[in-house]
Amino acid sequence: MTEPTTGPQGLNVQESLDFLREIVRRDTRSGVYGGRVVTRFPPEPNGFLHIGHAKSICINFGIARDFGGICHLRFDDTNPETEDMKYVESIMRDVRWLGFDWKDKLFFASDYYEQLYDLAVRLIKDAKAYVDSQSDEEIRKARGTITEPGIGSPYRSRPVAENLDLFSRMRAGDFPDGAHVLRAKIDMASRNMKMRDPLLYRIRHATHYRRGDAWCIYPMYDFAHPLSDAIEGITHSICTLEFENNRAIYDWLVDNLFREPRPRQYEFARLNLDYTVMSKRKLLQLVEEKLVSGWDDPRMPTIAGMRRRGYTPEGIRLFASRIGVDKANSRVSMDLLEDAIRDDLNARAPRAMAVLRPLKVTITNWPDDRVEWLQVPSWPRDIGKEGSRKVPLTREVRIERTDFSVDPPADWRRMRPGGEARLMGAYFIRCDEVLRDPSSGKVTELLCSYDPESLGAPAKGERKKTTAIQWVSASHAIPAEVRLYDRLFTVADPENMEEGRSFKEFLAPASMEVVREALVEPALAEPPPGDRFQFVRHGYFIVDEVDSRPGAPVFNRIVGLKDKYRPAGSAVKPADRS
């Protein structure tokens, strides 16, 4: 397909559709579902959503939007031992925050338990399911291998009446956990091991977070998921590639229990992002073992963590659009995510000055009591936005320690002994003298003089080779806590290292640095939580919504500026080379 297309709601569909949208377009044109397009996002409420789920959310809701359909939000809640209402609430919050709305199409698999039980009874009556009384270990051993067929259960030929009685008693609570399971009767010699009489129900005497103690048998995910799709009238069941082998069970169940047209499953490549993990089980380990501060730790790949980190929903959607939809699994560079976030924040975050590692500067020819309020633009010219703020200049200021070098390289463009640099939005100053701590030799203060004719004047001669540096007035600056976040792991793929090593061994020891001596300009004394800024040359920052207080702001670095990635714990260069 190459011609441009417009969706039923007047929304532009990509000129070159991805393979999933091609399938939906084909089905809508053929009329197989009477023109309906119904997708769903079906999370299990056993953890917080992560960036991989964000990709799935964008695909499912995006396809429904592009073709004038609807997307359901359904919780596949079939495991009472791991699910919790707090996860339901967090998932709903995340989906809404990403910019998507399920309207009145909110569903729970647990609402279908009665229907699912009746469908299981139908399979038993049709001699397509049976109660197996083997132990889990016996069932596992009899399943066979990739090269050897499985062995049928000794209970596989139980009479229908006996299976119905046992299944009814399982529901009634007559048996302990593990005494029996319900299995589909398919093919113990199938090349797809998923089809070797898969489990449909198991006994679990556990309280369900929504259904309480009404049930003591629970459907397996592979049973509840496709049948919930069919009950809801889903047309296109879109999931990630790890469920490719499960498609055979999906088809077998809906074919045996529902008439056409029925849902079809299609798989796309899951998101594997460098320097993080995408397993909810492993993310839960990090939280429970307090290796991170919680699900919303800004280093976590969870949507909650990225929201607190300062990522925007628009930036995440831009990232999902850029990586596209593939049929083969691959790894995605963290740089692609960070580039999308930068591109979104560039025109969203006003500029401000912050000094993270202050170095004292005294302007010796500036009067002690003089305060000059300068009007400094909040946006660079290429953004095309108006706006400025007033910044006070006094005799004593603080500059970034890394903006000064005693022995600079040849291409150095900032402060040096005897050299000049412009204070951003202000005057040129010249470093006349360098003061050091007598015992350590560390630079403690620069004595400088300013050029009173340089305010607003274009740089000429040698001054054209310099870079404006950020600064704050010592007497007006606001103390702030700044949290600098780095990548959570030291290796790109911590989930697939050599056998016997835990992913936790590769946690970066310096993935968060807390800077408590930072100073920000007075306009940032009481910034609203959630406001974002670009601190010049430091990157993009957000006012932390949890810990920030009026007069004591806390800023989280969202992402650095477009520089070559600096590994965690490496030195910042250039720096004070004294």
Protein backbone atom coordinates (compact mmCIF):
# COMPACT_ATOMS: atom_id res chain seq x y z
CA MET A 1 0.00 0.00 0.00
CA THR A 2 1.41 3.40 -0.94
CA GLU A 3 -1.53 5.75 -1.33
CA PRO A 4 -2.49 8.00 1.59
CA THR A 5 -5.42 6.83 3.66
CA THR A 6 -7.80 8.59 6.01
CA GLY A 7 -9.49 6.71 8.82
CA PRO A 8 -13.25 6.78 9.42
CA GLN A 9 -12.86 9.55 12.00
CA GLY A 10 -10.91 11.76 9.64
CA LEU A 11 -7.61 10.79 11.26
CA ASN A 12 -4.67 10.25 8.93
CA VAL A 13 -3.52 6.66 8.78
CA GLN A 14 0.17 6.25 8.01
CA GLU A 15 0.97 6.39 4.31
CA SER A 16 2.90 3.15 4.66
CA LEU A 17 0.98 1.01 7.12
CA ASP A 18 2.68 -1.42 9.47
CA PHE A 19 1.74 -5.08 9.06
CA LEU A 20 -0.89 -4.98 11.83
CA ARG A 21 -2.70 -2.04 10.30
CA GLU A 22 -2.51 -3.77 6.92
CA ILE A 23 -4.34 -6.75 8.46
CA VAL A 24 -7.01 -4.54 9.98
CA ARG A 25 -7.40 -2.62 6.72
CA ARG A 26 -7.81 -5.91 4.83
CA ASP A 27 -10.46 -7.13 7.27
CA THR A 28 -12.44 -3.88 7.23
CA ARG A 29 -12.44 -3.89 3.42
CA SER A 30 -13.52 -7.53 3.23
CA GLY A 31 -16.29 -6.97 5.77
CA VAL A 32 -15.36 -10.07 7.79
CA TYR A 33 -16.44 -8.32 11.00
CA GLY A 34 -19.09 -6.16 9.42
CA GLY A 35 -16.74 -3.18 9.48
CA ARG A 36 -16.12 -3.45 13.24
CA VAL A 37 -12.66 -2.96 14.73
CA VAL A 38 -12.41 -3.91 18.40
CA THR A 39 -9.04 -4.26 20.07
CA ARG A 40 -8.13 -4.60 23.72
CA PHE A 41 -5.27 -3.96 26.11
CA PRO A 42 -5.38 -6.91 28.58
CA PRO A 43 -2.88 -6.48 31.45
CA GLU A 44 -2.64 -8.82 34.40
CA PRO A 45 -2.97 -6.75 37.62
CA ASN A 46 0.14 -8.21 39.24
CA GLY A 47 2.56 -5.30 38.85
CA PHE A 48 3.04 -1.83 37.43
CA LEU A 49 3.16 -1.25 33.69
CA HIS A 50 6.51 -0.61 32.00
CA ILE A 51 7.68 0.96 28.74
CA GLY A 52 7.02 -2.31 26.87
CA HIS A 53 3.37 -2.11 27.89
CA ALA A 54 3.35 1.50 26.69
CA LYS A 55 4.21 0.25 23.20
CA SER A 56 1.32 -2.24 23.35
CA ILE A 57 -1.05 0.44 24.64
CA CYS A 58 -0.11 2.74 21.76
CA ILE A 59 -0.61 -0.07 19.23
CA ASN A 60 -3.98 -1.29 20.50
CA PHE A 61 -5.54 2.09 21.19
CA GLY A 62 -3.88 3.57 18.11
CA ILE A 63 -5.28 0.96 15.72
CA ALA A 64 -8.77 1.36 17.18
CA ARG A 65 -8.48 5.15 16.78
CA ASP A 66 -7.15 4.99 13.22
CA PHE A 67 -9.95 2.73 12.01
CA GLY A 68 -12.82 4.27 13.92
CA GLY A 69 -13.08 1.34 16.31
CA ILE A 70 -12.91 0.91 20.07
CA CYS A 71 -10.28 -0.46 22.41
CA HIS A 72 -11.24 -2.22 25.63
CA LEU A 73 -9.26 -2.16 28.84
CA ARG A 74 -9.58 -5.62 30.33
CA PHE A 75 -7.83 -7.00 33.37
CA ASP A 76 -6.95 -10.68 32.90
CA ASP A 77 -7.21 -11.40 36.62
CA THR A 78 -7.05 -15.17 36.95
CA ASN A 79 -4.37 -15.56 39.65
CA PRO A 80 -5.66 -14.60 43.11
CA GLU A 81 -2.23 -15.05 44.71
CA THR A 82 -0.47 -12.23 42.85
CA GLU A 83 -3.16 -9.69 41.94
CA ASP A 84 -4.17 -6.58 43.83
CA MET A 85 -6.47 -3.58 43.40
CA LYS A 86 -3.47 -1.24 43.76
CA TYR A 87 -2.18 -2.61 40.47
CA VAL A 88 -5.56 -2.09 38.81
CA GLU A 89 -5.57 1.52 39.94
CA SER A 90 -1.99 2.12 38.82
CA ILE A 91 -2.66 0.60 35.37
CA MET A 92 -5.75 2.74 34.83
CA ARG A 93 -3.79 5.83 35.89
CA ASP A 94 -0.96 4.97 33.48
CA VAL A 95 -3.21 4.35 30.49
CA ARG A 96 -5.03 7.64 31.05
CA TRP A 97 -1.75 9.49 31.55
CA LEU A 98 -0.49 8.18 28.23
CA GLY A 99 -3.47 9.90 26.62
CA PHE A 100 -5.85 7.02 25.94
CA ASP A 101 -9.47 6.53 26.98
CA TRP A 102 -11.37 3.24 27.13
CA LYS A 103 -14.60 5.17 27.84
CA ASP A 104 -17.16 2.66 29.16
CA LYS A 105 -15.25 -0.40 27.93
CA LEU A 106 -13.67 -1.48 31.20
CA PHE A 107 -13.80 -5.23 31.82
CA PHE A 108 -12.41 -7.91 34.13
CA ALA A 109 -11.94 -11.58 33.31
CA SER A 110 -13.12 -12.28 36.87
CA ASP A 111 -16.56 -11.00 35.84
CA TYR A 112 -16.72 -13.88 33.36
CA TYR A 113 -15.96 -16.67 35.82
CA GLU A 114 -19.49 -18.08 35.62
CA GLN A 115 -19.45 -18.01 31.80
CA LEU A 116 -15.98 -19.50 31.67
CA TYR A 117 -17.04 -22.31 33.99
CA ASP A 118 -20.04 -23.06 31.76
CA LEU A 119 -17.76 -23.11 28.69
CA ALA A 120 -15.47 -25.58 30.45
CA VAL A 121 -18.48 -27.78 31.19
CA ARG A 122 -19.34 -27.69 27.47
CA LEU A 123 -15.87 -28.97 26.61
CA ILE A 124 -16.26 -31.81 29.12
CA LYS A 125 -19.66 -32.78 27.68
CA ASP A 126 -18.13 -32.76 24.20
CA ALA A 127 -15.36 -35.09 25.47
CA LYS A 128 -12.79 -32.36 24.78
CA ALA A 129 -11.71 -31.85 28.40
CA TYR A 130 -11.10 -34.11 31.37
CA VAL A 131 -10.17 -33.96 35.05
CA ASP A 132 -6.62 -35.13 35.65
CA SER A 133 -5.66 -36.34 39.12
CA GLN A 134 -1.92 -36.55 38.55
CA SER A 135 0.47 -34.34 40.48
CA ASP A 136 2.09 -31.32 38.82
CA GLU A 137 5.36 -33.21 38.61
CA GLU A 138 3.74 -36.25 36.96
CA ILE A 139 1.99 -34.04 34.42
CA ARG A 140 5.25 -32.23 33.65
CA LYS A 141 7.20 -35.45 33.12
CA ALA A 142 4.52 -36.97 30.88
CA ARG A 143 4.44 -33.92 28.61
CA GLY A 144 7.50 -35.15 26.69
CA THR A 145 10.18 -33.07 25.01
CA ILE A 146 10.66 -31.20 21.76
CA THR A 147 11.86 -34.45 20.14
CA GLU A 148 9.72 -36.96 22.07
CA PRO A 149 5.89 -37.06 22.22
CA GLY A 150 4.05 -36.85 25.50
CA ILE A 151 2.35 -39.72 27.28
CA GLY A 152 -1.39 -39.60 27.82
CA SER A 153 -2.66 -39.29 31.38
CA PRO A 154 -4.13 -42.45 32.93
CA TYR A 155 -7.22 -40.30 33.58
CA ARG A 156 -7.53 -39.14 29.97
CA SER A 157 -10.34 -41.63 29.25
CA ARG A 158 -12.47 -40.87 32.28
CA PRO A 159 -16.17 -41.01 31.43
CA VAL A 160 -17.86 -37.69 30.80
CA ALA A 161 -20.19 -38.13 33.76
CA GLU A 162 -17.27 -38.72 36.13
CA ASN A 163 -15.43 -35.65 34.79
CA LEU A 164 -18.54 -33.51 35.25
CA ASP A 165 -18.97 -34.73 38.81
CA LEU A 166 -15.33 -34.16 39.72
CA PHE A 167 -15.27 -30.70 38.13
CA SER A 168 -18.44 -29.75 40.01
CA ARG A 169 -16.88 -30.93 43.28
CA MET A 170 -13.70 -29.02 42.49
CA ARG A 171 -15.80 -25.87 42.29
CA ALA A 172 -17.61 -26.75 45.51
CA GLY A 173 -14.32 -26.89 47.39
CA ASP A 174 -14.28 -30.62 48.10
CA PHE A 175 -10.59 -31.04 47.25
CA PRO A 176 -7.34 -29.44 48.41
CA ASP A 177 -5.01 -27.48 46.17
CA GLY A 178 -3.27 -29.68 43.62
CA ALA A 179 -5.64 -32.65 43.94
CA HIS A 180 -7.04 -32.25 40.43
CA VAL A 181 -6.79 -30.05 37.35
CA LEU A 182 -8.96 -29.71 34.28
CA ARG A 183 -7.12 -30.32 31.01
CA ALA A 184 -8.09 -29.94 27.37
CA LYS A 185 -8.01 -33.18 25.41
CA ILE A 186 -6.08 -32.21 22.29
CA ASP A 187 -2.92 -34.07 21.16
CA MET A 188 -0.16 -35.43 23.37
CA ALA A 189 2.04 -35.94 20.28
CA SER A 190 1.68 -32.39 18.95
CA ARG A 191 4.92 -30.73 17.82
CA ASN A 192 3.67 -27.65 19.66
CA MET A 193 4.09 -28.66 23.30
CA LYS A 194 1.51 -26.05 24.31
CA MET A 195 -1.10 -28.30 22.65
CA ARG A 196 -0.27 -31.39 24.69
CA ASP A 197 -3.44 -31.35 26.75
CA PRO A 198 -2.94 -27.90 28.30
CA LEU A 199 -4.29 -27.09 31.75
CA LEU A 200 -7.56 -25.16 31.81
CA TYR A 201 -8.42 -24.97 35.54
CA ARG A 202 -6.58 -25.51 38.82
CA ILE A 203 -7.67 -25.53 42.46
CA ARG A 204 -6.58 -22.52 44.51
CA HIS A 205 -8.09 -21.91 47.92
CA ALA A 206 -7.16 -18.25 47.86
CA THR A 207 -9.13 -15.04 48.24
CA HIS A 208 -9.55 -13.11 45.01
CA TYR A 209 -9.14 -9.34 45.24
CA ARG A 210 -12.53 -8.81 43.50
CA ARG A 211 -14.49 -12.06 43.91
CA GLY A 212 -13.48 -12.77 47.49
CA ASP A 213 -13.96 -16.45 48.40
CA ALA A 214 -16.70 -17.13 45.87
CA TRP A 215 -14.36 -19.36 43.86
CA CYS A 216 -11.72 -21.92 44.76
CA ILE A 217 -10.97 -22.97 41.17
CA TYR A 218 -9.45 -20.49 38.77
CA PRO A 219 -9.07 -20.60 34.99
CA MET A 220 -5.59 -20.62 33.50
CA TYR A 221 -4.58 -17.55 31.51
CA ASP A 222 -4.52 -19.54 28.24
CA PHE A 223 -8.14 -20.51 28.84
CA ALA A 224 -9.57 -17.24 30.14
CA HIS A 225 -7.78 -14.89 27.76
CA PRO A 226 -9.08 -16.09 24.35
CA LEU A 227 -12.56 -16.79 25.68
CA SER A 228 -12.75 -13.32 27.28
CA ASP A 229 -11.82 -11.91 23.85
CA ALA A 230 -14.62 -13.90 22.27
CA ILE A 231 -17.17 -12.93 24.93
CA GLU A 232 -16.35 -9.23 24.38
CA GLY A 233 -16.51 -9.45 20.58
CA ILE A 234 -12.85 -8.57 20.05
CA THR A 235 -11.90 -8.63 16.37
CA HIS A 236 -8.11 -8.38 16.48
CA SER A 237 -6.27 -9.86 19.47
CA ILE A 238 -2.85 -8.22 19.30
CA CYS A 239 -0.08 -9.52 21.57
CA THR A 240 3.69 -9.93 21.70
CA LEU A 241 5.71 -12.70 20.10
CA GLU A 242 6.18 -14.78 23.26
CA PHE A 243 2.51 -15.78 22.84
CA GLU A 244 3.04 -17.07 19.28
CA ASN A 245 2.95 -20.72 20.33
CA ASN A 246 -0.12 -20.01 22.47
CA ARG A 247 -2.05 -19.00 19.35
CA ALA A 248 -2.80 -22.68 18.67
CA ILE A 249 -4.60 -22.98 22.04
CA TYR A 250 -6.34 -19.66 21.37
CA ASP A 251 -7.65 -20.91 18.03
CA TRP A 252 -8.62 -24.34 19.35
CA LEU A 253 -10.69 -22.87 22.18
CA VAL A 254 -12.56 -20.23 20.21
CA ASP A 255 -13.11 -22.63 17.29
CA ASN A 256 -14.68 -25.20 19.60
CA LEU A 257 -16.80 -22.79 21.64
CA PHE A 258 -17.75 -19.84 19.39
CA ARG A 259 -19.14 -19.28 15.95
CA GLU A 260 -17.59 -17.17 13.22
CA PRO A 261 -16.70 -14.40 12.98
CA ARG A 262 -14.51 -14.85 16.00
CA PRO A 263 -11.32 -13.09 17.13
CA ARG A 264 -7.92 -13.80 15.58
CA GLN A 265 -4.58 -13.43 17.35
CA TYR A 266 -1.67 -11.53 15.79
CA GLU A 267 1.79 -11.12 17.30
CA PHE A 268 4.31 -8.29 17.13
CA ALA A 269 7.83 -7.98 18.52
CA ARG A 270 7.99 -7.00 22.17
CA LEU A 271 10.09 -4.04 23.23
CA ASN A 272 13.52 -5.02 24.56
CA LEU A 273 15.19 -1.85 25.80
CA ASP A 274 18.88 -1.67 26.58
CA TYR A 275 20.18 -1.16 30.13
CA THR A 276 17.01 -2.30 31.83
CA VAL A 277 14.80 -5.35 32.43
CA MET A 278 11.28 -5.92 31.17
CA SER A 279 10.18 -8.80 33.37
CA LYS A 280 7.53 -7.80 35.91
CA ARG A 281 8.84 -10.56 38.17
CA LYS A 282 12.33 -9.06 38.12
CA LEU A 283 11.03 -5.53 38.56
CA LEU A 284 9.05 -6.77 41.57
CA GLN A 285 12.28 -8.23 42.97
CA LEU A 286 13.97 -4.85 42.72
CA VAL A 287 11.07 -3.26 44.62
CA GLU A 288 10.63 -5.93 47.29
CA GLU A 289 14.37 -6.19 47.98
CA LYS A 290 14.55 -2.38 48.21
CA LEU A 291 17.16 -2.14 45.48
CA VAL A 292 15.09 0.78 44.19
CA SER A 293 12.83 3.13 46.14
CA GLY A 294 9.60 1.73 44.66
CA TRP A 295 7.68 1.11 41.45
CA ASP A 296 7.90 4.85 40.73
CA ASP A 297 11.66 5.10 41.23
CA PRO A 298 12.81 7.36 38.37
CA ARG A 299 15.40 4.77 37.32
CA MET A 300 12.74 2.12 36.75
CA PRO A 301 11.37 1.44 33.24
CA THR A 302 7.83 1.55 34.66
CA ILE A 303 5.44 4.18 33.35
CA ALA A 304 5.09 5.41 36.94
CA GLY A 305 8.86 5.75 37.20
CA MET A 306 9.13 7.52 33.87
CA ARG A 307 6.32 9.88 34.86
CA ARG A 308 8.14 10.79 38.07
CA ARG A 309 11.42 11.02 36.13
CA GLY A 310 9.76 13.70 34.01
CA TYR A 311 9.10 11.90 30.73
CA THR A 312 5.99 13.21 29.00
CA PRO A 313 3.24 11.05 27.49
CA GLU A 314 3.87 12.81 24.18
CA GLY A 315 7.54 11.84 24.33
CA ILE A 316 6.73 8.19 25.04
CA ARG A 317 4.16 8.11 22.22
CA LEU A 318 6.75 9.67 19.90
CA PHE A 319 9.21 6.94 20.87
CA ALA A 320 6.62 4.22 20.22
CA SER A 321 5.91 5.72 16.81
CA ARG A 322 9.59 5.89 15.88
CA ILE A 323 10.45 2.30 16.78
CA GLY A 324 7.45 1.07 14.79
CA VAL A 325 5.91 -2.40 14.74
CA ASP A 326 8.08 -5.37 13.80
CA LYS A 327 7.60 -9.11 13.39
CA ALA A 328 11.03 -10.09 14.74
CA ASN A 329 12.39 -9.45 18.23
CA SER A 330 15.35 -7.09 18.52
CA ARG A 331 16.92 -4.77 21.07
CA VAL A 332 16.24 -1.04 21.08
CA SER A 333 18.93 1.44 22.08
CA MET A 334 18.21 3.63 25.08
CA ASP A 335 19.44 6.51 22.89
CA LEU A 336 16.26 6.26 20.78
CA LEU A 337 14.07 6.72 23.85
CA GLU A 338 16.17 9.59 25.17
CA ASP A 339 16.19 11.31 21.75
CA ALA A 340 12.39 11.19 21.61
CA ILE A 341 12.13 12.65 25.12
CA ARG A 342 14.60 15.44 24.26
CA ASP A 343 12.79 16.28 21.05
CA ASP A 344 9.52 16.61 22.93
CA LEU A 345 10.99 18.62 25.82
CA ASN A 346 12.98 21.03 23.66
CA ALA A 347 9.94 23.20 22.91
CA ARG A 348 8.20 22.39 26.20
CA ALA A 349 10.79 23.19 28.89
CA PRO A 350 11.79 26.85 29.47
CA ARG A 351 15.46 27.51 30.13
CA ALA A 352 16.80 28.31 33.59
CA MET A 353 20.19 28.55 35.26
CA ALA A 354 21.36 26.11 37.91
CA VAL A 355 24.82 25.62 39.36
CA LEU A 356 25.27 22.08 40.63
CA ARG A 357 28.87 22.31 41.83
CA PRO A 358 29.40 25.95 42.75
CA LEU A 359 32.65 27.86 42.41
CA LYS A 360 32.83 31.31 44.04
CA VAL A 361 33.43 34.30 41.74
CA THR A 362 33.92 37.82 43.04
CA ILE A 363 33.57 40.67 40.52
CA THR A 364 36.08 43.04 42.03
CA ASN A 365 35.01 46.18 40.11
CA TRP A 366 31.31 45.69 40.97
CA PRO A 367 30.01 47.79 43.92
CA ASP A 368 29.21 45.82 47.08
CA ASP A 369 25.60 46.99 47.34
CA ARG A 370 24.69 46.99 43.66
CA VAL A 371 21.96 44.61 42.45
CA GLU A 372 21.16 44.72 38.74
CA TRP A 373 18.09 42.82 37.59
CA LEU A 374 18.61 41.51 34.07
CA GLN A 375 15.89 40.37 31.71
CA VAL A 376 17.01 36.94 30.50
CA PRO A 377 15.12 35.08 27.72
CA SER A 378 13.50 31.80 28.75
CA TRP A 379 13.65 30.37 25.24
CA PRO A 380 16.32 30.23 22.53
CA ARG A 381 15.56 32.00 19.27
CA ASP A 382 15.00 28.81 17.26
CA ILE A 383 12.06 27.74 19.48
CA GLY A 384 9.99 30.76 18.46
CA LYS A 385 8.45 31.33 21.89
CA GLU A 386 8.28 34.59 23.80
CA GLY A 387 9.06 34.89 27.49
CA SER A 388 11.78 35.93 29.91
CA ARG A 389 12.45 36.23 33.63
CA LYS A 390 14.41 38.66 35.82
CA VAL A 391 17.75 37.44 37.18
CA PRO A 392 19.75 39.45 39.75
CA LEU A 393 23.46 40.13 39.23
CA THR A 394 25.59 41.06 42.28
CA ARG A 395 29.23 41.39 43.19
CA GLU A 396 29.50 37.78 44.27
CA VAL A 397 28.21 35.02 42.02
CA ARG A 398 28.58 31.28 41.67
CA ILE A 399 29.51 29.54 38.44
CA GLU A 400 29.73 25.86 37.60
CA ARG A 401 33.06 24.44 38.72
CA THR A 402 33.34 22.53 35.45
CA ASP A 403 33.15 25.85 33.56
CA PHE A 404 36.64 26.74 34.79
CA SER A 405 39.98 25.08 34.04
CA VAL A 406 43.42 26.01 35.29
CA ASP A 407 45.11 24.12 32.45
CA PRO A 408 42.51 23.96 29.67
CA PRO A 409 42.80 22.09 26.37
CA ALA A 410 43.36 23.98 23.13
CA ASP A 411 39.64 24.04 22.24
CA TRP A 412 38.52 25.36 25.67
CA ARG A 413 35.82 28.05 25.33
CA ARG A 414 34.98 28.88 28.94
CA MET A 415 36.73 30.40 31.96
CA ARG A 416 40.51 30.16 32.37
CA PRO A 417 43.16 32.19 34.19
CA GLY A 418 43.52 35.49 32.33
CA GLY A 419 40.70 34.56 29.97
CA GLU A 420 37.22 35.97 29.38
CA ALA A 421 33.74 34.47 29.21
CA ARG A 422 30.27 35.95 29.17
CA LEU A 423 27.93 35.38 32.07
CA MET A 424 24.83 34.17 30.30
CA GLY A 425 22.48 37.07 29.59
CA ALA A 426 24.90 39.49 31.27
CA TYR A 427 28.43 40.88 30.96
CA PHE A 428 31.80 39.54 29.93
CA ILE A 429 34.08 38.89 32.90
CA ARG A 430 37.84 38.28 32.94
CA CYS A 431 39.58 35.97 35.42
CA ASP A 432 42.31 38.10 37.00
CA GLU A 433 43.35 35.91 39.89
CA VAL A 434 42.84 32.34 41.13
CA LEU A 435 42.69 31.65 44.89
CA ARG A 436 43.43 28.19 46.27
CA ASP A 437 43.09 26.35 49.55
CA PRO A 438 46.59 26.42 51.09
CA SER A 439 46.45 22.83 52.32
CA SER A 440 44.81 21.05 49.40
CA GLY A 441 45.62 23.34 46.51
CA LYS A 442 41.99 23.21 45.37
CA VAL A 443 40.65 26.30 43.61
CA THR A 444 38.30 28.10 46.02
CA GLU A 445 37.60 31.45 44.35
CA LEU A 446 38.08 33.44 41.16
CA LEU A 447 38.68 37.17 41.32
CA CYS A 448 37.28 38.67 38.14
CA SER A 449 36.49 42.04 36.58
CA TYR A 450 33.58 42.82 34.31
CA ASP A 451 33.34 44.91 31.15
CA PRO A 452 30.50 47.43 31.72
CA GLU A 453 30.21 48.01 27.94
CA SER A 454 29.59 44.34 27.07
CA LEU A 455 25.93 43.96 28.15
CA GLY A 456 23.93 43.17 25.05
CA ALA A 457 26.90 43.96 22.79
CA PRO A 458 27.83 41.38 20.13
CA ALA A 459 31.03 39.49 20.84
CA LYS A 460 33.98 40.46 18.70
CA GLY A 461 37.51 39.22 18.21
CA GLU A 462 38.62 36.58 20.71
CA ARG A 463 35.31 36.89 22.57
CA LYS A 464 33.56 35.24 19.62
CA LYS A 465 35.41 32.05 20.46
CA THR A 466 33.96 31.84 23.98
CA THR A 467 30.81 30.20 25.31
CA ALA A 468 28.36 31.91 27.67
CA ILE A 469 28.38 30.24 31.09
CA GLN A 470 25.58 29.94 33.62
CA TRP A 471 25.70 31.60 37.00
CA VAL A 472 23.60 32.62 39.99
CA SER A 473 23.84 35.48 42.45
CA ALA A 474 25.30 34.23 45.73
CA SER A 475 22.92 36.33 47.83
CA HIS A 476 19.78 35.53 45.82
CA ALA A 477 20.33 31.89 44.80
CA ILE A 478 17.99 29.21 46.13
CA PRO A 479 19.53 26.03 47.61
CA ALA A 480 18.14 22.96 45.87
CA GLU A 481 18.53 19.22 45.86
CA VAL A 482 19.25 17.82 42.40
CA ARG A 483 19.05 14.12 41.60
CA LEU A 484 21.08 12.93 38.66
CA TYR A 485 19.85 9.60 37.31
CA ASP A 486 21.89 7.27 35.16
CA ARG A 487 21.16 3.90 33.64
CA LEU A 488 20.04 1.26 36.08
CA PHE A 489 22.37 -1.47 34.80
CA THR A 490 25.97 -1.53 33.65
CA VAL A 491 25.32 -3.87 30.70
CA ALA A 492 22.90 -3.50 27.81
CA ASP A 493 21.17 -6.87 28.31
CA PRO A 494 21.23 -7.82 32.02
CA GLU A 495 18.55 -10.50 31.56
CA ASN A 496 20.65 -12.66 29.25
CA MET A 497 24.11 -12.91 30.77
CA GLU A 498 26.07 -16.11 31.34
CA GLU A 499 24.22 -18.90 33.12
CA GLY A 500 24.27 -18.80 36.88
CA ARG A 501 24.59 -15.05 37.20
CA SER A 502 21.73 -12.93 38.49
CA PHE A 503 20.61 -9.81 36.67
CA LYS A 504 21.00 -8.00 40.01
CA GLU A 505 24.78 -8.42 39.79
CA PHE A 506 24.78 -5.84 37.00
CA LEU A 507 22.99 -3.07 38.86
CA ALA A 508 24.92 0.18 38.38
CA PRO A 509 26.38 1.31 41.72
CA ALA A 510 26.15 4.98 40.69
CA SER A 511 22.79 5.06 38.94
CA MET A 512 21.66 7.94 41.18
CA GLU A 513 23.71 10.86 42.45
CA VAL A 514 22.14 13.31 44.91
CA VAL A 515 23.63 16.81 44.67
CA ARG A 516 22.72 18.83 47.77
CA GLU A 517 24.93 21.90 47.26
CA ALA A 518 23.16 22.95 44.05
CA LEU A 519 21.95 26.55 43.62
CA VAL A 520 19.20 27.73 41.29
CA GLU A 521 18.08 31.19 40.22
CA PRO A 522 15.47 32.88 42.47
CA ALA A 523 12.65 32.39 39.96
CA LEU A 524 12.78 28.70 40.92
CA ALA A 525 12.24 29.23 44.66
CA GLU A 526 8.75 27.72 44.64
CA PRO A 527 8.26 25.97 41.28
CA PRO A 528 5.03 23.95 40.98
CA PRO A 529 5.64 20.20 41.30
CA GLY A 530 5.74 18.63 37.84
CA ASP A 531 7.09 21.74 36.08
CA ARG A 532 9.94 21.02 33.69
CA PHE A 533 12.99 23.14 32.85
CA GLN A 534 16.16 22.90 30.85
CA PHE A 535 19.11 23.71 33.08
CA VAL A 536 21.64 25.07 30.63
CA ARG A 537 24.16 22.38 29.65
CA HIS A 538 22.98 20.05 32.43
CA GLY A 539 19.90 18.70 30.68
CA TYR A 540 16.14 18.62 31.31
CA PHE A 541 14.78 18.54 34.85
CA ILE A 542 11.42 18.19 36.58
CA VAL A 543 10.30 19.41 39.99
CA ASP A 544 9.82 16.20 41.98
CA GLU A 545 6.15 15.74 42.82
CA VAL A 546 6.82 13.73 45.98
CA ASP A 547 9.72 15.36 47.82
CA SER A 548 9.84 18.97 46.60
CA ARG A 549 8.74 21.68 49.06
CA PRO A 550 8.27 25.48 48.74
CA GLY A 551 11.64 27.10 49.29
CA ALA A 552 13.38 23.72 49.16
CA PRO A 553 12.86 22.43 45.62
CA VAL A 554 13.98 19.00 44.49
CA PHE A 555 14.77 18.50 40.81
CA ASN A 556 15.06 15.17 39.00
CA ARG A 557 17.12 15.06 35.84
CA ILE A 558 14.89 13.72 33.09
CA VAL A 559 17.55 13.33 30.44
CA GLY A 560 20.85 14.95 29.61
CA LEU A 561 21.46 17.06 26.56
CA LYS A 562 22.51 15.46 23.30
CA ASP A 563 25.99 14.33 24.27
CA LYS A 564 27.81 11.09 23.82
CA TYR A 565 26.68 8.72 26.59
CA ARG A 566 28.88 8.86 29.68
CA PRO A 567 28.96 5.52 31.56
CA ALA A 568 27.85 5.57 35.18
CA GLY A 569 30.56 6.63 37.59
CA SER A 570 32.93 8.07 34.99
CA ALA A 571 34.51 11.47 35.49
CA VAL A 572 32.91 14.62 34.15
CA LYS A 573 35.20 16.32 31.62
CA PRO A 574 36.39 18.94 31.25
CA ALA A 575 36.70 19.91 34.90
CA ASP A 576 38.78 21.92 37.30
CA ARG A 577 42.23 20.60 36.41
CA SER A 578 44.03 22.15 39.35
